[in-house]
Amino acid sequence: MAPEDAYPAKLEAALKVKGYDVRIINAGVSGDTSAGGLARLDWALGDHPDYALVELGSNDALRGLEPTETRSNLDHILGALEQAKVKVLLMGMLAPRNWGTDYAQRFDRIYPDLAAQHRVPLYPFFLDGVALDPKLNQADMLHPTPAGVDVIVHRTLPAVEALLGPPGAAPS
């Protein structure tokens, strides 16, 4: 997918239309796990962000990685962001059901549990309205098309706006 069709670019454009003066830095790496996100955290914090959207873990679940590992990585990320005084919106993911009910239940609890523990807002399922829809996903049925990204931006925008506050408001 072209960078301008990806979620960060489209979210930035949508926020600017609504009057927000934002610059979104895409710190994600396609195919990466929560461990990779944790490894890059110091680099991402080098830009001194005011806000962070944490959307990691889907590749952990696709690979069947132990949910306790994903939880630990995300817990460390959220703790470091809190220490750096970065406001966070945690973007939840759901495990694919092919790993079984026990795995899915343990994985799916990660995001609401960590949001409560770290007192950060949670968008429950990042791919809500897009997952498993062939019209909104690439042939792999895992990655959204540009039209799928549009749906994700539209659905997540209210949660992102709630995190940012009204346009023109200084980060607090």
Foldseek 3Di string as FASTA:
>chain_A
DDPCLALQNVLVVVVVVQQAPDDGDDPDDPLDALVVVLVCLVVVCVVVAQADEDDHHQSCLVVPHQLVVNLVSVLVSLVVCVVSNHAYEYEAAFHPCPVDDVRRVSNLVSQVVSCVVSVHHYPRHLQVPQQPDVVQPDPVSPHGDSVSSVVSSVVCVVVVCVRVDHHPDDRD
